[in-house]
């Protein structure tokens, strides 16, 4: 089982394909099973790295306070351990906030940024959405998550706010968002788009998990964006 010792815990990861590296950073309570349909498609053209955040899946679950900054350093440490000096970074939901912190703290690592179903800060959870977490649990992960670990991730996610720092992002950025997202309303994606210079916003017909339902369009959009990034690099 591929495990890396990072920042005082263990991080489970999988690598598929060859080519320019892509790293996925997952959302609250999810694990690598989230990418069952997505990763194989992208692995035909890229080296795809997927992993479980601390507190999820087969990674370590220390019962200590988590922060978004801590999980960004986990990502940086994992890339370093695999000798990946630079990667395209795809952050999903909470993973988008981790990805933003990664590019703010380690811009040299991030070749491009794809923010999916996410915002630079998290709105308060309603009781219905808290219940919804347990409804989604069997779909989004194959490894049971202890309740304390879910709470640790949740606390990290909802206390992070980088809205004032988005202007500092200086890598090609694509924002993908469902127009019917009730967890992160579409106007949040628009606000990020307006704040991140040169970013592109693409809307999908769907909610927070649009990338699972419409995975073929999602992966095609990602491939198109990354091919343009590569072309721009060649020209420059």
C-alpha atoms as a PDB file:
ATOM      1  CA  UNK A   1       0.000   0.000   0.000  1.00  0.00           C
ATOM      2  CA  UNK A   2       1.576   3.345  -1.052  1.00  0.00           C
ATOM      3  CA  UNK A   3       1.995   5.397   2.098  1.00  0.00           C
ATOM      4  CA  UNK A   4       4.157   8.487   2.677  1.00  0.00           C
ATOM      5  CA  UNK A   5       5.147   9.793   6.100  1.00  0.00           C
ATOM      6  CA  UNK A   6       4.338  13.498   5.948  1.00  0.00           C
ATOM      7  CA  UNK A   7       4.222  16.128   8.697  1.00  0.00           C
ATOM      8  CA  UNK A   8       3.767  13.681  11.545  1.00  0.00           C
ATOM      9  CA  UNK A   9       1.128  11.494   9.925  1.00  0.00           C
ATOM     10  CA  UNK A  10       0.739   9.011   7.073  1.00  0.00           C
ATOM     11  CA  UNK A  11      -0.744   9.920   3.695  1.00  0.00           C
ATOM     12  CA  UNK A  12      -2.189   7.241   1.419  1.00  0.00           C
ATOM     13  CA  UNK A  13      -1.810   7.939  -2.304  1.00  0.00           C
ATOM     14  CA  UNK A  14      -2.146   6.412  -5.768  1.00  0.00           C
ATOM     15  CA  UNK A  15      -0.394   7.385  -9.006  1.00  0.00           C
ATOM     16  CA  UNK A  16      -1.723   6.543 -12.449  1.00  0.00           C
ATOM     17  CA  UNK A  17      -0.569   7.299 -15.975  1.00  0.00           C
ATOM     18  CA  UNK A  18       2.402   9.183 -17.368  1.00  0.00           C
ATOM     19  CA  UNK A  19       2.994  12.756 -18.462  1.00  0.00           C
ATOM     20  CA  UNK A  20       2.521  16.162 -16.930  1.00  0.00           C
ATOM     21  CA  UNK A  21       1.553  15.680 -13.247  1.00  0.00           C
ATOM     22  CA  UNK A  22      -1.942  16.431 -11.951  1.00  0.00           C
ATOM     23  CA  UNK A  23      -2.729  16.265  -8.234  1.00  0.00           C
ATOM     24  CA  UNK A  24      -6.290  16.103  -6.917  1.00  0.00           C
ATOM     25  CA  UNK A  25      -7.053  17.488  -3.460  1.00  0.00           C
ATOM     26  CA  UNK A  26     -10.325  16.126  -2.139  1.00  0.00           C
ATOM     27  CA  UNK A  27     -13.144  17.585  -0.119  1.00  0.00           C
ATOM     28  CA  UNK A  28     -14.564  17.138   3.347  1.00  0.00           C
ATOM     29  CA  UNK A  29     -14.870  13.487   4.315  1.00  0.00           C
ATOM     30  CA  UNK A  30     -13.994  12.078   0.893  1.00  0.00           C
ATOM     31  CA  UNK A  31     -11.289   9.612  -0.115  1.00  0.00           C
ATOM     32  CA  UNK A  32      -9.686   8.326  -3.315  1.00  0.00           C
ATOM     33  CA  UNK A  33     -12.874   6.517  -4.339  1.00  0.00           C
ATOM     34  CA  UNK A  34     -14.169   9.956  -5.365  1.00  0.00           C
ATOM     35  CA  UNK A  35     -12.026   9.697  -8.517  1.00  0.00           C
ATOM     36  CA  UNK A  36     -13.116   6.243  -9.693  1.00  0.00           C
ATOM     37  CA  UNK A  37     -14.382   7.551 -13.040  1.00  0.00           C
ATOM     38  CA  UNK A  38     -12.312  10.719 -13.334  1.00  0.00           C
ATOM     39  CA  UNK A  39      -8.746   9.538 -12.749  1.00  0.00           C
ATOM     40  CA  UNK A  40      -8.605   6.808 -15.457  1.00  0.00           C
ATOM     41  CA  UNK A  41      -9.737   9.266 -18.139  1.00  0.00           C
ATOM     42  CA  UNK A  42      -7.137  11.876 -17.232  1.00  0.00           C
ATOM     43  CA  UNK A  43      -4.443   9.212 -16.786  1.00  0.00           C
ATOM     44  CA  UNK A  44      -4.492   8.570 -20.537  1.00  0.00           C
ATOM     45  CA  UNK A  45      -2.646  11.883 -20.997  1.00  0.00           C
ATOM     46  CA  UNK A  46      -1.289  12.842 -17.575  1.00  0.00           C
ATOM     47  CA  UNK A  47       0.402  11.450 -14.483  1.00  0.00           C
ATOM     48  CA  UNK A  48      -2.466  11.607 -11.990  1.00  0.00           C
ATOM     49  CA  UNK A  49      -1.820  11.707  -8.249  1.00  0.00           C
ATOM     50  CA  UNK A  50      -4.771  11.127  -5.922  1.00  0.00           C
ATOM     51  CA  UNK A  51      -4.548  10.865  -2.142  1.00  0.00           C
ATOM     52  CA  UNK A  52      -6.537  10.868   1.078  1.00  0.00           C
ATOM     53  CA  UNK A  53      -6.305  14.014   3.192  1.00  0.00           C
ATOM     54  CA  UNK A  54      -5.355  13.526   6.825  1.00  0.00           C
ATOM     55  CA  UNK A  55      -8.459  12.330   8.619  1.00  0.00           C
ATOM     56  CA  UNK A  56      -9.860  10.486   5.580  1.00  0.00           C
ATOM     57  CA  UNK A  57      -9.634   7.133   3.876  1.00  0.00           C
ATOM     58  CA  UNK A  58      -6.447   5.198   4.473  1.00  0.00           C
ATOM     59  CA  UNK A  59      -4.411   8.204   5.631  1.00  0.00           C
ATOM     60  CA  UNK A  60      -3.588   8.841   9.275  1.00  0.00           C
ATOM     61  CA  UNK A  61      -6.270  10.347  11.475  1.00  0.00           C
ATOM     62  CA  UNK A  62      -4.558  12.088  14.357  1.00  0.00           C
ATOM     63  CA  UNK A  63      -7.021  13.512  16.878  1.00  0.00           C
ATOM     64  CA  UNK A  64      -5.508  16.980  16.942  1.00  0.00           C
ATOM     65  CA  UNK A  65      -6.706  20.307  15.509  1.00  0.00           C
ATOM     66  CA  UNK A  66      -6.440  20.418  11.708  1.00  0.00           C
ATOM     67  CA  UNK A  67      -6.047  23.538   9.597  1.00  0.00           C
ATOM     68  CA  UNK A  68      -6.285  24.179   5.881  1.00  0.00           C
ATOM     69  CA  UNK A  69      -2.678  25.392   6.031  1.00  0.00           C
ATOM     70  CA  UNK A  70      -1.640  22.080   7.598  1.00  0.00           C
ATOM     71  CA  UNK A  71      -3.311  20.087   4.828  1.00  0.00           C
ATOM     72  CA  UNK A  72      -1.698  22.309   2.191  1.00  0.00           C
ATOM     73  CA  UNK A  73       1.676  21.469   3.731  1.00  0.00           C
ATOM     74  CA  UNK A  74       0.682  17.776   3.623  1.00  0.00           C
ATOM     75  CA  UNK A  75       0.139  18.176  -0.122  1.00  0.00           C
ATOM     76  CA  UNK A  76       3.448  19.975  -0.617  1.00  0.00           C
ATOM     77  CA  UNK A  77       5.223  17.311   1.423  1.00  0.00           C
ATOM     78  CA  UNK A  78       3.644  14.499  -0.587  1.00  0.00           C
ATOM     79  CA  UNK A  79       4.667  16.099  -3.885  1.00  0.00           C
ATOM     80  CA  UNK A  80       8.188  16.521  -2.551  1.00  0.00           C
ATOM     81  CA  UNK A  81       8.390  12.905  -1.399  1.00  0.00           C
ATOM     82  CA  UNK A  82       7.378  11.780  -4.899  1.00  0.00           C
ATOM     83  CA  UNK A  83       9.896  14.189  -6.467  1.00  0.00           C
ATOM     84  CA  UNK A  84       7.204  16.107  -8.279  1.00  0.00           C
ATOM     85  CA  UNK A  85       8.588  19.634  -8.508  1.00  0.00           C
ATOM     86  CA  UNK A  86       5.515  21.157 -10.168  1.00  0.00           C
ATOM     87  CA  UNK A  87       1.966  19.975 -10.857  1.00  0.00           C
ATOM     88  CA  UNK A  88      -1.419  21.068 -12.093  1.00  0.00           C
ATOM     89  CA  UNK A  89      -3.561  21.217  -8.952  1.00  0.00           C
ATOM     90  CA  UNK A  90      -7.278  20.382  -8.877  1.00  0.00           C
ATOM     91  CA  UNK A  91      -9.008  21.235  -5.607  1.00  0.00           C
ATOM     92  CA  UNK A  92     -12.543  20.040  -4.958  1.00  0.00           C
ATOM     93  CA  UNK A  93     -14.772  21.694  -2.313  1.00  0.00           C
ATOM     94  CA  UNK A  94     -12.628  21.844   0.865  1.00  0.00           C
ATOM     95  CA  UNK A  95      -9.765  20.738  -1.365  1.00  0.00           C
ATOM     96  CA  UNK A  96     -10.140  23.984  -3.274  1.00  0.00           C
ATOM     97  CA  UNK A  97      -9.269  25.940  -0.146  1.00  0.00           C
ATOM     98  CA  UNK A  98      -6.298  23.656   0.412  1.00  0.00           C
ATOM     99  CA  UNK A  99      -5.237  24.236  -3.209  1.00  0.00           C
ATOM    100  CA  UNK A 100      -5.531  28.005  -2.805  1.00  0.00           C
ATOM    101  CA  UNK A 101      -3.374  27.935   0.312  1.00  0.00           C
ATOM    102  CA  UNK A 102      -0.859  25.732  -1.506  1.00  0.00           C
ATOM    103  CA  UNK A 103      -0.457  28.198  -4.369  1.00  0.00           C
ATOM    104  CA  UNK A 104      -0.264  31.149  -1.972  1.00  0.00           C
ATOM    105  CA  UNK A 105       2.463  29.518   0.142  1.00  0.00           C
ATOM    106  CA  UNK A 106       4.248  27.509  -2.578  1.00  0.00           C
ATOM    107  CA  UNK A 107       3.576  29.170  -5.955  1.00  0.00           C
ATOM    108  CA  UNK A 108       6.596  27.425  -7.476  1.00  0.00           C
ATOM    109  CA  UNK A 109       4.878  24.046  -7.034  1.00  0.00           C
ATOM    110  CA  UNK A 110       1.637  24.935  -8.827  1.00  0.00           C
ATOM    111  CA  UNK A 111       1.690  24.983 -12.621  1.00  0.00           C
ATOM    112  CA  UNK A 112      -2.024  25.713 -12.903  1.00  0.00           C
ATOM    113  CA  UNK A 113      -5.033  25.754 -10.603  1.00  0.00           C
ATOM    114  CA  UNK A 114      -8.482  24.240 -11.129  1.00  0.00           C
ATOM    115  CA  UNK A 115     -10.999  25.131  -8.422  1.00  0.00           C
ATOM    116  CA  UNK A 116     -14.079  22.902  -8.403  1.00  0.00           C
ATOM    117  CA  UNK A 117     -17.267  23.360  -6.339  1.00  0.00           C
ATOM    118  CA  UNK A 118     -15.402  25.538  -3.893  1.00  0.00           C
ATOM    119  CA  UNK A 119     -15.040  28.965  -2.349  1.00  0.00           C
ATOM    120  CA  UNK A 120     -12.312  30.873  -0.542  1.00  0.00           C
ATOM    121  CA  UNK A 121     -14.337  30.608   2.657  1.00  0.00           C
ATOM    122  CA  UNK A 122     -17.126  28.368   3.906  1.00  0.00           C
ATOM    123  CA  UNK A 123     -20.597  29.487   4.841  1.00  0.00           C
ATOM    124  CA  UNK A 124     -22.129  28.144   8.086  1.00  0.00           C
ATOM    125  CA  UNK A 125     -23.573  24.652   7.866  1.00  0.00           C
ATOM    126  CA  UNK A 126     -27.305  24.207   8.243  1.00  0.00           C
ATOM    127  CA  UNK A 127     -28.695  21.175  10.130  1.00  0.00           C
ATOM    128  CA  UNK A 128     -29.969  19.752   6.827  1.00  0.00           C
ATOM    129  CA  UNK A 129     -26.526  19.857   5.255  1.00  0.00           C
ATOM    130  CA  UNK A 130     -24.986  18.223   8.318  1.00  0.00           C
ATOM    131  CA  UNK A 131     -27.423  15.349   7.883  1.00  0.00           C
ATOM    132  CA  UNK A 132     -26.648  15.354   4.173  1.00  0.00           C
ATOM    133  CA  UNK A 133     -23.037  14.486   4.961  1.00  0.00           C
ATOM    134  CA  UNK A 134     -24.124  11.122   6.287  1.00  0.00           C
ATOM    135  CA  UNK A 135     -26.406  10.539   3.310  1.00  0.00           C
ATOM    136  CA  UNK A 136     -23.487  11.147   0.925  1.00  0.00           C
ATOM    137  CA  UNK A 137     -21.020   9.109   2.946  1.00  0.00           C
ATOM    138  CA  UNK A 138     -21.446   5.742   1.148  1.00  0.00           C
ATOM    139  CA  UNK A 139     -21.161   7.446  -2.239  1.00  0.00           C
ATOM    140  CA  UNK A 140     -18.058   9.515  -1.597  1.00  0.00           C
ATOM    141  CA  UNK A 141     -15.838   7.097   0.286  1.00  0.00           C
ATOM    142  CA  UNK A 142     -15.132   3.420   0.658  1.00  0.00           C
ATOM    143  CA  UNK A 143     -13.311   3.660   3.983  1.00  0.00           C
ATOM    144  CA  UNK A 144     -15.335   4.632   7.072  1.00  0.00           C
ATOM    145  CA  UNK A 145     -14.304   7.933   8.648  1.00  0.00           C
ATOM    146  CA  UNK A 146     -14.405   8.334  12.430  1.00  0.00           C
ATOM    147  CA  UNK A 147     -16.741  11.110  13.486  1.00  0.00           C
ATOM    148  CA  UNK A 148     -13.965  12.977  15.305  1.00  0.00           C
ATOM    149  CA  UNK A 149     -11.905  13.066  12.096  1.00  0.00           C
ATOM    150  CA  UNK A 150     -14.832  14.495  10.145  1.00  0.00           C
ATOM    151  CA  UNK A 151     -15.222  17.187  12.809  1.00  0.00           C
ATOM    152  CA  UNK A 152     -11.494  17.983  12.676  1.00  0.00           C
ATOM    153  CA  UNK A 153     -11.701  18.494   8.909  1.00  0.00           C
ATOM    154  CA  UNK A 154     -14.904  20.498   9.214  1.00  0.00           C
ATOM    155  CA  UNK A 155     -13.399  22.819  11.821  1.00  0.00           C
ATOM    156  CA  UNK A 156     -10.377  23.423   9.593  1.00  0.00           C
ATOM    157  CA  UNK A 157     -12.531  24.156   6.580  1.00  0.00           C
ATOM    158  CA  UNK A 158     -14.989  26.554   8.167  1.00  0.00           C
ATOM    159  CA  UNK A 159     -12.358  28.659   9.952  1.00  0.00           C
ATOM    160  CA  UNK A 160     -10.335  29.378   6.795  1.00  0.00           C
ATOM    161  CA  UNK A 161     -10.805  32.590   4.816  1.00  0.00           C
ATOM    162  CA  UNK A 162      -8.369  33.671   2.109  1.00  0.00           C
ATOM    163  CA  UNK A 163     -10.682  36.096   0.283  1.00  0.00           C
ATOM    164  CA  UNK A 164      -8.282  39.012   0.714  1.00  0.00           C
ATOM    165  CA  UNK A 165      -5.382  37.037  -0.762  1.00  0.00           C
ATOM    166  CA  UNK A 166      -6.959  35.830  -4.017  1.00  0.00           C
ATOM    167  CA  UNK A 167      -5.429  38.793  -5.829  1.00  0.00           C
ATOM    168  CA  UNK A 168      -2.014  37.237  -5.159  1.00  0.00           C
ATOM    169  CA  UNK A 169      -2.745  34.147  -7.255  1.00  0.00           C
ATOM    170  CA  UNK A 170      -0.648  34.405 -10.396  1.00  0.00           C
ATOM    171  CA  UNK A 171      -1.020  31.037 -12.144  1.00  0.00           C
ATOM    172  CA  UNK A 172      -3.486  30.013 -14.871  1.00  0.00           C
ATOM    173  CA  UNK A 173      -6.732  29.371 -13.016  1.00  0.00           C
ATOM    174  CA  UNK A 174      -9.932  27.628 -14.082  1.00  0.00           C
ATOM    175  CA  UNK A 175     -13.030  27.740 -11.875  1.00  0.00           C
ATOM    176  CA  UNK A 176     -15.626  24.992 -12.435  1.00  0.00           C
ATOM    177  CA  UNK A 177     -18.937  25.279 -10.633  1.00  0.00           C
ATOM    178  CA  UNK A 178     -22.457  23.920 -10.712  1.00  0.00           C
ATOM    179  CA  UNK A 179     -25.154  26.543 -11.254  1.00  0.00           C
ATOM    180  CA  UNK A 180     -27.442  24.698  -8.818  1.00  0.00           C
ATOM    181  CA  UNK A 181     -24.861  24.237  -6.065  1.00  0.00           C
ATOM    182  CA  UNK A 182     -26.658  24.788  -2.747  1.00  0.00           C
ATOM    183  CA  UNK A 183     -23.620  24.124  -0.572  1.00  0.00           C
ATOM    184  CA  UNK A 184     -21.450  26.742  -2.317  1.00  0.00           C
ATOM    185  CA  UNK A 185     -23.747  29.124  -4.235  1.00  0.00           C
ATOM    186  CA  UNK A 186     -22.693  30.048  -7.759  1.00  0.00           C
ATOM    187  CA  UNK A 187     -22.158  33.697  -6.823  1.00  0.00           C
ATOM    188  CA  UNK A 188     -19.196  32.558  -4.685  1.00  0.00           C
ATOM    189  CA  UNK A 189     -17.502  31.210  -7.823  1.00  0.00           C
ATOM    190  CA  UNK A 190     -18.171  34.513  -9.583  1.00  0.00           C
ATOM    191  CA  UNK A 191     -16.564  36.404  -6.700  1.00  0.00           C
ATOM    192  CA  UNK A 192     -13.449  34.245  -6.941  1.00  0.00           C
ATOM    193  CA  UNK A 193     -13.365  34.706 -10.704  1.00  0.00           C
ATOM    194  CA  UNK A 194     -13.481  38.482 -10.300  1.00  0.00           C
ATOM    195  CA  UNK A 195     -10.716  38.406  -7.685  1.00  0.00           C
ATOM    196  CA  UNK A 196      -8.264  36.071  -9.470  1.00  0.00           C
ATOM    197  CA  UNK A 197      -6.642  37.921 -12.350  1.00  0.00           C
ATOM    198  CA  UNK A 198      -7.001  36.167 -15.706  1.00  0.00           C
ATOM    199  CA  UNK A 199      -9.093  33.300 -14.339  1.00  0.00           C
ATOM    200  CA  UNK A 200     -11.740  31.493 -16.376  1.00  0.00           C
ATOM    201  CA  UNK A 201     -15.144  30.515 -14.975  1.00  0.00           C
ATOM    202  CA  UNK A 202     -17.083  27.632 -16.528  1.00  0.00           C
ATOM    203  CA  UNK A 203     -20.602  26.851 -15.328  1.00  0.00           C
ATOM    204  CA  UNK A 204     -22.125  23.375 -15.301  1.00  0.00           C
ATOM    205  CA  UNK A 205     -25.764  22.315 -15.082  1.00  0.00           C
ATOM    206  CA  UNK A 206     -25.742  20.633 -11.723  1.00  0.00           C
ATOM    207  CA  UNK A 207     -25.099  20.974  -8.025  1.00  0.00           C
ATOM    208  CA  UNK A 208     -22.157  20.522  -5.696  1.00  0.00           C
ATOM    209  CA  UNK A 209     -21.287  17.103  -7.146  1.00  0.00           C
ATOM    210  CA  UNK A 210     -21.741  17.994 -10.817  1.00  0.00           C
ATOM    211  CA  UNK A 211     -18.285  16.560 -11.626  1.00  0.00           C
ATOM    212  CA  UNK A 212     -19.466  13.077 -10.660  1.00  0.00           C
ATOM    213  CA  UNK A 213     -22.693  13.170 -12.664  1.00  0.00           C
ATOM    214  CA  UNK A 214     -21.148  14.904 -15.681  1.00  0.00           C
ATOM    215  CA  UNK A 215     -17.660  13.427 -15.369  1.00  0.00           C
ATOM    216  CA  UNK A 216     -17.101  13.202 -19.124  1.00  0.00           C
ATOM    217  CA  UNK A 217     -17.686  16.921 -19.681  1.00  0.00           C
ATOM    218  CA  UNK A 218     -15.684  17.689 -16.549  1.00  0.00           C
ATOM    219  CA  UNK A 219     -12.640  15.723 -17.691  1.00  0.00           C
ATOM    220  CA  UNK A 220     -12.906  17.114 -21.235  1.00  0.00           C
ATOM    221  CA  UNK A 221     -12.974  20.664 -19.839  1.00  0.00           C
ATOM    222  CA  UNK A 222      -9.948  19.937 -17.656  1.00  0.00           C
ATOM    223  CA  UNK A 223      -8.013  18.437 -20.575  1.00  0.00           C
ATOM    224  CA  UNK A 224      -8.827  21.399 -22.800  1.00  0.00           C
ATOM    225  CA  UNK A 225      -7.653  23.879 -20.169  1.00  0.00           C
ATOM    226  CA  UNK A 226      -4.428  21.992 -19.487  1.00  0.00           C
ATOM    227  CA  UNK A 227      -3.644  21.672 -23.192  1.00  0.00           C
ATOM    228  CA  UNK A 228      -3.951  25.457 -23.509  1.00  0.00           C
ATOM    229  CA  UNK A 229      -1.635  25.888 -20.509  1.00  0.00           C
ATOM    230  CA  UNK A 230       0.932  23.649 -22.183  1.00  0.00           C
ATOM    231  CA  UNK A 231       0.635  25.556 -25.467  1.00  0.00           C
ATOM    232  CA  UNK A 232       1.148  28.865 -23.667  1.00  0.00           C
ATOM    233  CA  UNK A 233       4.265  27.490 -21.978  1.00  0.00           C
ATOM    234  CA  UNK A 234       5.713  26.387 -25.302  1.00  0.00           C
ATOM    235  CA  UNK A 235       5.066  29.782 -26.880  1.00  0.00           C
ATOM    236  CA  UNK A 236       6.621  31.659 -23.971  1.00  0.00           C
END
